[in-house]
N, C-alpha and C. Protein backbone atom coordinates (compact mmCIF):
# COMPACT_ATOMS: atom_id res chain seq x y z
N UNK A 1 -3.77 -22.15 -33.81
CA UNK A 1 -2.62 -21.82 -32.92
C UNK A 1 -3.44 -21.43 -31.62
N UNK A 2 -4.61 -20.83 -31.65
CA UNK A 2 -5.26 -20.20 -30.64
C UNK A 2 -6.00 -21.69 -29.89
N UNK A 3 -6.54 -22.61 -30.66
CA UNK A 3 -6.87 -23.77 -29.93
C UNK A 3 -5.82 -24.53 -29.01
N UNK A 4 -4.63 -24.45 -29.37
CA UNK A 4 -3.55 -25.12 -28.62
C UNK A 4 -3.40 -24.25 -27.41
N UNK A 5 -3.28 -22.87 -27.54
CA UNK A 5 -2.81 -22.03 -26.53
C UNK A 5 -4.00 -21.96 -25.22
N UNK A 6 -5.45 -22.27 -25.62
CA UNK A 6 -6.42 -22.09 -24.69
C UNK A 6 -6.24 -22.96 -23.52
N UNK A 7 -5.79 -24.22 -23.53
CA UNK A 7 -5.65 -24.94 -22.38
C UNK A 7 -4.53 -24.35 -21.36
N UNK A 8 -3.56 -23.77 -22.00
CA UNK A 8 -2.51 -23.30 -21.10
C UNK A 8 -3.13 -21.91 -20.46
N UNK A 9 -3.72 -21.08 -21.30
CA UNK A 9 -4.44 -19.97 -20.58
C UNK A 9 -5.37 -20.33 -19.69
N UNK A 10 -6.12 -21.15 -19.71
CA UNK A 10 -7.06 -21.87 -18.62
C UNK A 10 -6.19 -22.15 -17.38
N UNK A 11 -5.30 -23.01 -17.69
CA UNK A 11 -4.51 -23.30 -16.51
C UNK A 11 -3.76 -22.35 -15.81
N UNK A 12 -3.32 -21.29 -16.68
CA UNK A 12 -2.62 -20.10 -16.06
C UNK A 12 -3.52 -19.30 -15.23
N UNK A 13 -4.82 -19.14 -15.62
CA UNK A 13 -5.59 -18.22 -15.09
C UNK A 13 -6.08 -19.19 -13.58
N UNK A 14 -6.32 -20.24 -13.76
CA UNK A 14 -6.77 -21.26 -12.59
C UNK A 14 -5.63 -21.22 -11.50
N UNK A 15 -4.35 -21.26 -11.84
CA UNK A 15 -3.35 -21.21 -10.93
C UNK A 15 -3.22 -19.71 -10.36
N UNK A 16 -3.40 -18.78 -11.14
CA UNK A 16 -3.36 -17.27 -10.66
C UNK A 16 -4.47 -17.15 -9.70
N UNK A 17 -5.88 -17.67 -10.03
CA UNK A 17 -6.94 -17.59 -8.89
C UNK A 17 -6.64 -18.17 -7.87
N UNK A 18 -6.19 -19.13 -7.75
CA UNK A 18 -5.80 -20.15 -6.55
C UNK A 18 -4.81 -19.35 -5.47
N UNK A 19 -3.93 -18.89 -6.14
CA UNK A 19 -2.88 -18.25 -5.34
C UNK A 19 -3.44 -16.91 -4.91
N UNK A 20 -4.11 -16.18 -5.70
CA UNK A 20 -4.50 -14.66 -5.34
C UNK A 20 -5.69 -15.20 -4.21
N UNK A 21 -6.32 -16.10 -3.81
CA UNK A 21 -7.14 -16.47 -2.96
C UNK A 21 -6.86 -17.40 -1.71
N UNK A 22 -5.44 -17.76 -1.82
CA UNK A 22 -4.90 -18.52 -0.61
C UNK A 22 -5.08 -18.06 0.55
N UNK A 23 -4.61 -16.65 0.57
CA UNK A 23 -4.66 -16.02 1.73
C UNK A 23 -5.98 -16.13 2.44
N UNK A 24 -7.17 -15.95 1.80
CA UNK A 24 -8.56 -16.19 2.34
C UNK A 24 -8.78 -17.48 3.03
N UNK A 25 -8.16 -18.74 2.31
CA UNK A 25 -8.49 -19.98 2.89
C UNK A 25 -7.59 -20.28 4.15
N UNK A 26 -6.33 -19.75 4.16
CA UNK A 26 -5.74 -19.82 5.45
C UNK A 26 -6.10 -18.97 6.50
N UNK A 27 -6.90 -18.07 6.45
CA UNK A 27 -7.30 -17.11 7.52
C UNK A 27 -6.24 -16.13 7.83
N UNK A 28 -6.60 -15.41 8.64
CA UNK A 28 -5.85 -14.08 8.97
C UNK A 28 -4.49 -14.31 9.33
N UNK A 29 -3.54 -13.60 8.74
CA UNK A 29 -2.26 -13.76 9.15
C UNK A 29 -1.90 -13.48 10.66
N UNK A 30 -0.86 -14.38 11.25
CA UNK A 30 -0.58 -14.17 12.53
C UNK A 30 0.68 -13.30 12.78
N UNK A 31 1.11 -12.68 11.62
CA UNK A 31 2.20 -11.53 11.92
C UNK A 31 1.56 -10.21 12.04
N UNK A 32 2.11 -9.59 12.77
CA UNK A 32 1.86 -7.94 13.18
C UNK A 32 1.88 -7.39 11.84
N UNK A 33 1.16 -6.20 11.57
CA UNK A 33 1.18 -5.40 10.53
C UNK A 33 2.44 -4.64 10.37
N UNK A 34 3.00 -4.27 11.25
CA UNK A 34 4.15 -3.36 11.61
C UNK A 34 5.44 -4.15 12.26
N UNK A 35 6.52 -4.08 11.64
CA UNK A 35 7.91 -4.65 12.11
C UNK A 35 8.74 -3.37 12.44
N UNK A 36 9.19 -3.56 13.72
CA UNK A 36 10.14 -2.50 14.25
C UNK A 36 11.45 -3.08 14.21
N UNK A 37 12.34 -2.34 13.81
CA UNK A 37 13.99 -2.74 13.95
C UNK A 37 14.55 -1.67 14.72
N UNK A 38 13.92 -1.01 15.44
CA UNK A 38 14.69 0.27 16.31
C UNK A 38 15.49 -0.65 17.20
N UNK A 39 16.89 -0.63 17.16
CA UNK A 39 17.74 -0.99 18.01
C UNK A 39 18.76 -0.08 18.73
N UNK A 40 18.81 1.12 18.14
CA UNK A 40 19.72 2.08 18.33
C UNK A 40 19.36 3.03 19.52
N UNK A 41 18.24 2.72 20.41
CA UNK A 41 17.85 3.26 21.47
C UNK A 41 17.29 4.93 21.14
N UNK A 42 16.73 4.90 20.05
CA UNK A 42 15.79 6.13 19.62
C UNK A 42 16.74 7.10 19.14
N UNK A 43 17.64 6.81 18.34
CA UNK A 43 18.49 7.53 17.61
C UNK A 43 17.71 8.20 16.58
N UNK A 44 16.89 7.75 16.11
CA UNK A 44 15.90 8.06 14.89
C UNK A 44 15.04 9.54 15.11
N UNK A 45 14.83 9.67 16.56
CA UNK A 45 13.94 10.70 16.91
C UNK A 45 14.54 12.03 16.44
N UNK A 46 15.78 12.33 16.22
CA UNK A 46 16.43 13.76 15.81
C UNK A 46 16.22 13.79 14.49
N UNK A 47 15.79 13.09 13.47
CA UNK A 47 15.58 13.12 12.22
C UNK A 47 14.07 13.48 11.94
N UNK A 48 13.82 14.31 10.73
CA UNK A 48 12.29 14.58 10.36
C UNK A 48 11.76 13.32 9.97
N UNK A 49 10.27 13.33 10.34
CA UNK A 49 9.64 12.17 9.90
C UNK A 49 9.64 11.89 8.55
N UNK A 50 9.82 10.58 8.04
CA UNK A 50 10.03 10.28 6.68
C UNK A 50 11.43 10.30 6.17
N UNK A 51 12.40 10.76 6.86
CA UNK A 51 13.78 10.76 6.65
C UNK A 51 14.12 9.30 6.30
N UNK A 52 14.68 9.09 5.07
CA UNK A 52 15.30 7.78 4.50
C UNK A 52 16.63 7.67 4.78
N UNK A 53 17.15 6.76 5.42
CA UNK A 53 18.61 6.47 5.66
C UNK A 53 19.07 5.66 4.48
N UNK A 54 20.39 5.92 4.09
CA UNK A 54 20.90 4.91 2.95
C UNK A 54 22.41 4.94 3.06
N UNK A 55 22.86 4.04 2.51
CA UNK A 55 24.44 3.66 2.46
C UNK A 55 24.79 3.26 0.95
N UNK A 56 26.01 3.55 0.71
CA UNK A 56 26.65 3.15 -0.57
C UNK A 56 28.06 2.95 -0.64
N UNK A 57 28.76 2.35 -1.49
CA UNK A 57 30.19 2.26 -1.51
C UNK A 57 30.30 1.94 -3.08
N UNK A 58 31.67 2.15 -3.39
CA UNK A 58 31.95 1.90 -4.67
C UNK A 58 33.50 1.32 -4.65
N UNK A 59 33.95 0.74 -5.71
CA UNK A 59 35.47 0.16 -5.60
C UNK A 59 36.41 1.06 -5.47
N UNK A 60 36.03 2.19 -5.93
CA UNK A 60 37.22 3.31 -5.94
C UNK A 60 37.37 3.73 -4.41
N UNK A 61 36.11 3.77 -3.57
CA UNK A 61 36.24 4.26 -2.06
C UNK A 61 37.03 3.01 -1.49
N UNK A 62 36.77 1.83 -1.70
CA UNK A 62 37.25 0.59 -1.05
C UNK A 62 38.81 0.33 -1.36
N UNK A 63 39.05 0.35 -2.52
CA UNK A 63 40.32 -0.26 -2.94
C UNK A 63 41.43 0.66 -2.67
N UNK A 64 41.57 1.86 -3.18
CA UNK A 64 42.52 2.93 -2.91
C UNK A 64 44.01 2.19 -3.45
N UNK A 65 45.00 2.97 -3.10
CA UNK A 65 46.34 2.38 -3.35
C UNK A 65 46.72 2.13 -5.07
N UNK A 66 46.43 3.20 -5.62
CA UNK A 66 46.60 3.07 -7.09
C UNK A 66 48.21 3.03 -7.33
N UNK A 67 48.60 2.28 -8.25
CA UNK A 67 50.00 2.02 -8.35
C UNK A 67 50.91 1.26 -7.43
N UNK A 68 50.08 0.54 -6.84
CA UNK A 68 50.91 -0.50 -5.74
C UNK A 68 50.68 -1.86 -6.26
N UNK A 69 51.68 -2.75 -6.13
CA UNK A 69 51.83 -3.99 -6.54
C UNK A 69 51.02 -4.42 -7.77
N UNK A 70 51.31 -3.64 -8.80
CA UNK A 70 50.85 -3.80 -9.99
C UNK A 70 49.39 -3.22 -10.24
N UNK A 71 48.69 -2.62 -9.40
CA UNK A 71 47.17 -2.05 -9.67
C UNK A 71 47.66 -0.54 -10.51
N UNK A 72 47.09 -0.55 -11.62
CA UNK A 72 47.42 0.53 -12.16
C UNK A 72 46.15 1.76 -11.78
N UNK A 73 46.51 3.04 -12.04
CA UNK A 73 45.34 4.01 -11.66
C UNK A 73 43.98 3.67 -12.61
N UNK A 74 42.92 3.99 -11.94
CA UNK A 74 41.64 3.94 -12.62
C UNK A 74 41.22 5.05 -13.25
N UNK A 75 40.05 5.20 -13.95
CA UNK A 75 39.65 6.57 -14.32
C UNK A 75 39.57 7.78 -13.34
N UNK A 76 38.92 7.05 -12.05
CA UNK A 76 38.68 7.93 -11.04
C UNK A 76 39.96 8.52 -10.63
N UNK A 77 41.21 7.58 -10.40
CA UNK A 77 42.36 8.04 -9.84
C UNK A 77 42.85 9.29 -10.71
N UNK A 78 42.64 9.31 -11.93
CA UNK A 78 43.00 10.55 -12.90
C UNK A 78 42.03 11.65 -12.60
N UNK A 79 40.76 11.43 -12.49
CA UNK A 79 39.89 12.39 -12.41
C UNK A 79 39.92 13.30 -11.32
N UNK A 80 40.12 12.93 -10.00
CA UNK A 80 40.11 13.34 -8.78
C UNK A 80 41.49 14.04 -8.65
N UNK A 81 42.32 14.13 -9.36
CA UNK A 81 43.61 14.77 -9.32
C UNK A 81 43.64 16.24 -10.06
N UNK A 82 42.36 16.45 -10.82
CA UNK A 82 42.15 17.77 -11.35
C UNK A 82 41.89 18.54 -10.43
N UNK A 83 42.47 19.90 -9.85
CA UNK A 83 42.50 20.80 -8.91
C UNK A 83 40.91 21.31 -9.04
N UNK A 84 40.05 21.37 -7.91
CA UNK A 84 38.81 21.80 -7.77
C UNK A 84 37.95 20.97 -8.15
N UNK A 85 38.01 19.68 -8.55
CA UNK A 85 36.98 18.70 -8.84
C UNK A 85 36.35 18.10 -7.55
N UNK A 86 37.10 17.89 -6.66
CA UNK A 86 36.71 17.20 -5.32
C UNK A 86 36.84 18.25 -4.33
N UNK A 87 36.09 18.31 -3.37
CA UNK A 87 36.13 18.93 -2.11
C UNK A 87 37.36 18.91 -1.38
N UNK A 88 38.21 19.69 -1.05
CA UNK A 88 39.54 19.85 -0.23
C UNK A 88 40.62 19.19 -1.30
N UNK A 89 40.42 18.83 -2.51
CA UNK A 89 41.18 18.15 -3.28
C UNK A 89 41.56 16.80 -2.89
N UNK A 90 40.57 16.06 -2.28
CA UNK A 90 40.72 14.64 -1.60
C UNK A 90 40.87 13.84 -2.75
N UNK A 91 41.55 12.74 -2.68
CA UNK A 91 41.63 11.56 -3.43
C UNK A 91 41.28 10.31 -2.76
N UNK A 92 41.29 9.17 -3.46
CA UNK A 92 40.93 8.01 -2.80
C UNK A 92 42.31 6.99 -2.29
N UNK A 93 43.46 7.85 -2.29
CA UNK A 93 44.69 6.97 -1.99
C UNK A 93 44.72 6.54 -0.63
N UNK A 94 43.92 6.94 0.27
CA UNK A 94 43.89 6.39 1.68
C UNK A 94 42.45 5.69 1.72
N UNK A 95 41.38 6.19 1.47
CA UNK A 95 40.46 5.55 1.61
C UNK A 95 40.19 4.66 2.98
N UNK A 96 39.33 3.61 2.52
CA UNK A 96 39.35 2.57 3.90
C UNK A 96 40.46 1.50 3.84
N UNK A 97 41.59 1.70 3.09
CA UNK A 97 42.62 0.97 3.02
C UNK A 97 42.37 -0.72 2.94
N UNK A 98 41.33 -0.94 2.13
CA UNK A 98 40.99 -2.31 2.11
C UNK A 98 42.31 -3.15 1.40
N UNK A 99 43.06 -2.14 0.60
CA UNK A 99 44.19 -2.87 -0.04
C UNK A 99 45.10 -3.65 1.00
N UNK A 100 45.43 -2.73 2.12
CA UNK A 100 46.12 -3.72 3.08
C UNK A 100 45.51 -4.58 4.00
N UNK A 101 44.18 -4.29 4.30
CA UNK A 101 43.57 -4.97 5.37
C UNK A 101 42.79 -6.20 4.91
N UNK A 102 42.65 -6.39 3.46
CA UNK A 102 42.09 -7.86 3.27
C UNK A 102 43.03 -9.03 3.39
N UNK A 103 42.29 -10.01 3.89
CA UNK A 103 43.40 -11.17 4.03
C UNK A 103 43.14 -12.18 3.02
């Protein structure tokens, strides 16, 4: 069994070696080391260094409109109706109104 696997191992190691040294053969990269995407006119200056921006969404935030046109309430529709669970007792009934805006 080992004798049959040896040619494949040698082939794998040879390909790995070639790929790892391909950059040396092609010379230095013409791309700059850093890429800047600052398009907001310096809006990031007000945030501390190392601050990481992020976004997220969920079906509950987008869908809204439980009990409309056959859509039943989800587990979250029931959960957020418990007083004190969500700040200001907010629900997702209005959300981003994707239910009516989707074409």
